[in-house]
Amino acid sequence: MKYSARITLEQTTVITDDDVETYNIWHQYFTEEQLVQELEEAGFSIEHCYEDVKGREQSLNSKTIAVIARRELE
C-alpha cells in the first residue's frame, strides 16, 4: 500500500494452525534535508551525510543515506 507524504505500509499476515497475526511495517522516506532537520530538532548535530554506510559521497541517484550525528548527553 502507498500513502502520501513519502510513507508506505508493508502489511504481512502470518497464518498458523492456531492463530492469524497481521504485522504493519511503516516506512517513511526522507530527503537529506528532511532527515537533517528531524535530527537537529531532536538535539543532534550533523557531522556528515554519506550515500551509504561505506562512506561513499552522495550522488543525485542515491537511494540510501547514512548520517553521522552526535548529541551531547545531559
N, C-alpha and C. Protein backbone atom coordinates (compact mmCIF):
# COMPACT_ATOMS: atom_id res chain seq x y z
N MET A 1 0.84 -1.18 0.00
CA MET A 1 0.00 0.00 0.00
C MET A 1 0.88 1.24 0.00
N LYS A 2 0.43 2.29 -0.63
CA LYS A 2 1.21 3.53 -0.67
C LYS A 2 0.35 4.68 -0.18
N TYR A 3 0.95 5.52 0.65
CA TYR A 3 0.27 6.67 1.22
C TYR A 3 1.01 7.93 0.82
N SER A 4 0.39 9.07 1.09
CA SER A 4 1.04 10.33 0.77
C SER A 4 2.19 10.61 1.73
N ALA A 5 2.89 11.70 1.46
CA ALA A 5 3.99 12.17 2.32
C ALA A 5 5.13 11.17 2.42
N ARG A 6 5.37 10.45 1.35
CA ARG A 6 6.51 9.54 1.28
C ARG A 6 6.48 8.47 2.36
N ILE A 7 5.31 7.91 2.57
CA ILE A 7 5.13 6.86 3.57
C ILE A 7 4.52 5.65 2.87
N THR A 8 5.05 4.46 3.17
CA THR A 8 4.46 3.24 2.63
C THR A 8 4.19 2.27 3.78
N LEU A 9 3.26 1.38 3.54
CA LEU A 9 2.92 0.34 4.50
C LEU A 9 3.20 -1.01 3.88
N GLU A 10 3.96 -1.82 4.58
CA GLU A 10 4.18 -3.21 4.20
C GLU A 10 3.39 -4.04 5.19
N GLN A 11 2.34 -4.67 4.72
CA GLN A 11 1.47 -5.43 5.62
C GLN A 11 1.64 -6.91 5.34
N THR A 12 1.94 -7.67 6.39
CA THR A 12 2.16 -9.10 6.28
C THR A 12 1.22 -9.82 7.24
N THR A 13 0.54 -10.83 6.74
CA THR A 13 -0.32 -11.65 7.59
C THR A 13 0.29 -13.03 7.69
N VAL A 14 0.46 -13.50 8.93
CA VAL A 14 1.02 -14.82 9.20
C VAL A 14 -0.11 -15.70 9.71
N ILE A 15 -0.35 -16.78 8.99
CA ILE A 15 -1.42 -17.71 9.36
C ILE A 15 -0.79 -19.02 9.79
N THR A 16 -1.11 -19.44 11.01
CA THR A 16 -0.65 -20.73 11.51
C THR A 16 -1.88 -21.57 11.84
N ASP A 17 -1.67 -22.79 12.29
CA ASP A 17 -2.80 -23.64 12.66
C ASP A 17 -3.62 -23.05 13.79
N ASP A 18 -2.97 -22.28 14.67
CA ASP A 18 -3.63 -21.78 15.87
C ASP A 18 -3.98 -20.30 15.84
N ASP A 19 -3.45 -19.55 14.90
CA ASP A 19 -3.59 -18.10 15.01
C ASP A 19 -3.43 -17.41 13.66
N VAL A 20 -3.90 -16.19 13.61
CA VAL A 20 -3.69 -15.30 12.47
C VAL A 20 -3.20 -13.98 13.03
N GLU A 21 -2.02 -13.54 12.59
CA GLU A 21 -1.44 -12.28 13.06
C GLU A 21 -1.12 -11.41 11.85
N THR A 22 -1.45 -10.13 11.95
CA THR A 22 -1.11 -9.18 10.90
C THR A 22 -0.11 -8.18 11.45
N TYR A 23 0.95 -7.95 10.69
CA TYR A 23 2.01 -7.02 11.08
C TYR A 23 2.04 -5.87 10.09
N ASN A 24 2.01 -4.67 10.61
CA ASN A 24 2.11 -3.46 9.80
C ASN A 24 3.50 -2.86 9.98
N ILE A 25 4.25 -2.77 8.91
CA ILE A 25 5.58 -2.18 8.95
C ILE A 25 5.54 -0.92 8.10
N TRP A 26 5.65 0.21 8.77
CA TRP A 26 5.57 1.51 8.10
C TRP A 26 6.96 1.98 7.73
N HIS A 27 7.10 2.51 6.53
CA HIS A 27 8.36 3.07 6.05
C HIS A 27 8.13 4.53 5.71
N GLN A 28 8.97 5.40 6.24
CA GLN A 28 8.90 6.81 5.87
C GLN A 28 10.19 7.16 5.16
N TYR A 29 10.06 7.81 4.02
CA TYR A 29 11.20 8.16 3.18
C TYR A 29 11.52 9.63 3.34
N PHE A 30 12.80 9.93 3.60
CA PHE A 30 13.25 11.29 3.85
C PHE A 30 14.21 11.74 2.76
N THR A 31 14.18 13.02 2.46
CA THR A 31 15.28 13.62 1.72
C THR A 31 16.38 13.91 2.74
N GLU A 32 17.57 14.21 2.26
CA GLU A 32 18.65 14.56 3.18
C GLU A 32 18.25 15.76 4.04
N GLU A 33 17.65 16.75 3.42
CA GLU A 33 17.26 17.96 4.15
C GLU A 33 16.23 17.65 5.24
N GLN A 34 15.26 16.81 4.92
CA GLN A 34 14.24 16.44 5.91
C GLN A 34 14.86 15.68 7.08
N LEU A 35 15.74 14.74 6.78
CA LEU A 35 16.36 13.94 7.83
C LEU A 35 17.24 14.80 8.72
N VAL A 36 18.03 15.68 8.13
CA VAL A 36 18.87 16.59 8.90
C VAL A 36 18.01 17.47 9.80
N GLN A 37 16.91 17.99 9.28
CA GLN A 37 16.02 18.83 10.08
C GLN A 37 15.45 18.06 11.26
N GLU A 38 14.99 16.83 11.03
CA GLU A 38 14.45 15.99 12.11
C GLU A 38 15.50 15.77 13.20
N LEU A 39 16.72 15.45 12.80
CA LEU A 39 17.78 15.18 13.77
C LEU A 39 18.16 16.44 14.54
N GLU A 40 18.28 17.57 13.84
CA GLU A 40 18.64 18.81 14.52
C GLU A 40 17.54 19.24 15.50
N GLU A 41 16.29 19.05 15.13
CA GLU A 41 15.18 19.39 16.04
C GLU A 41 15.18 18.50 17.28
N ALA A 42 15.78 17.31 17.17
CA ALA A 42 15.88 16.39 18.31
C ALA A 42 17.16 16.61 19.11
N GLY A 43 17.93 17.65 18.76
CA GLY A 43 19.12 17.99 19.53
C GLY A 43 20.43 17.41 19.01
N PHE A 44 20.43 16.85 17.82
CA PHE A 44 21.64 16.28 17.25
C PHE A 44 22.37 17.32 16.40
N SER A 45 23.68 17.21 16.34
CA SER A 45 24.46 17.99 15.38
C SER A 45 24.93 17.02 14.30
N ILE A 46 24.90 17.46 13.07
CA ILE A 46 25.23 16.60 11.94
C ILE A 46 26.71 16.71 11.63
N GLU A 47 27.40 15.58 11.65
CA GLU A 47 28.82 15.54 11.31
C GLU A 47 29.00 15.42 9.80
N HIS A 48 28.27 14.47 9.18
CA HIS A 48 28.40 14.27 7.74
C HIS A 48 27.27 13.37 7.24
N CYS A 49 26.92 13.54 5.98
CA CYS A 49 25.95 12.67 5.30
C CYS A 49 26.67 11.95 4.17
N TYR A 50 26.41 10.65 4.05
CA TYR A 50 27.03 9.82 3.03
C TYR A 50 25.95 9.11 2.22
N GLU A 51 26.36 8.53 1.10
CA GLU A 51 25.44 7.76 0.27
C GLU A 51 25.11 6.42 0.91
N ASP A 52 26.06 5.85 1.64
CA ASP A 52 25.85 4.55 2.27
C ASP A 52 26.77 4.43 3.49
N VAL A 53 26.67 3.31 4.18
CA VAL A 53 27.47 3.13 5.40
C VAL A 53 28.95 2.88 5.11
N LYS A 54 29.31 2.71 3.85
CA LYS A 54 30.72 2.59 3.47
C LYS A 54 31.39 3.95 3.37
N GLY A 55 30.61 5.02 3.46
CA GLY A 55 31.18 6.36 3.42
C GLY A 55 31.32 6.96 2.04
N ARG A 56 30.60 6.40 1.07
CA ARG A 56 30.64 6.98 -0.28
C ARG A 56 29.95 8.34 -0.28
N GLU A 57 30.51 9.26 -1.04
CA GLU A 57 29.88 10.58 -1.18
C GLU A 57 28.56 10.43 -1.92
N GLN A 58 27.59 11.25 -1.55
CA GLN A 58 26.26 11.15 -2.14
C GLN A 58 26.25 11.59 -3.60
N SER A 59 25.34 10.97 -4.35
CA SER A 59 25.12 11.34 -5.74
C SER A 59 23.63 11.64 -5.92
N LEU A 60 23.28 12.21 -7.05
CA LEU A 60 21.88 12.55 -7.31
C LEU A 60 21.00 11.31 -7.43
N ASN A 61 21.57 10.17 -7.78
CA ASN A 61 20.80 8.94 -7.97
C ASN A 61 20.76 8.06 -6.73
N SER A 62 21.28 8.53 -5.62
CA SER A 62 21.36 7.73 -4.41
C SER A 62 19.97 7.39 -3.88
N LYS A 63 19.80 6.12 -3.49
CA LYS A 63 18.54 5.68 -2.90
C LYS A 63 18.66 5.48 -1.39
N THR A 64 19.87 5.62 -0.86
CA THR A 64 20.08 5.45 0.58
C THR A 64 20.85 6.65 1.11
N ILE A 65 20.87 6.74 2.44
CA ILE A 65 21.63 7.81 3.10
C ILE A 65 22.13 7.27 4.43
N ALA A 66 23.34 7.63 4.77
CA ALA A 66 23.90 7.32 6.08
C ALA A 66 24.33 8.64 6.70
N VAL A 67 23.96 8.85 7.95
CA VAL A 67 24.23 10.13 8.62
C VAL A 67 25.05 9.88 9.88
N ILE A 68 26.11 10.65 10.04
CA ILE A 68 26.86 10.67 11.29
C ILE A 68 26.34 11.87 12.07
N ALA A 69 25.72 11.60 13.21
CA ALA A 69 25.14 12.67 14.03
C ALA A 69 25.53 12.44 15.48
N ARG A 70 25.68 13.53 16.21
CA ARG A 70 26.05 13.46 17.63
C ARG A 70 25.08 14.26 18.46
N ARG A 71 24.91 13.80 19.69
CA ARG A 71 24.11 14.56 20.65
C ARG A 71 24.78 14.44 22.00
N GLU A 72 25.00 15.57 22.62
CA GLU A 72 25.63 15.59 23.94
C GLU A 72 24.67 15.03 24.98
N LEU A 73 25.18 14.19 25.86
CA LEU A 73 24.37 13.66 26.96
C LEU A 73 24.23 14.72 28.03
N GLU A 74 23.07 14.80 28.58
CA GLU A 74 22.83 15.81 29.63
C GLU A 74 23.14 15.27 31.00
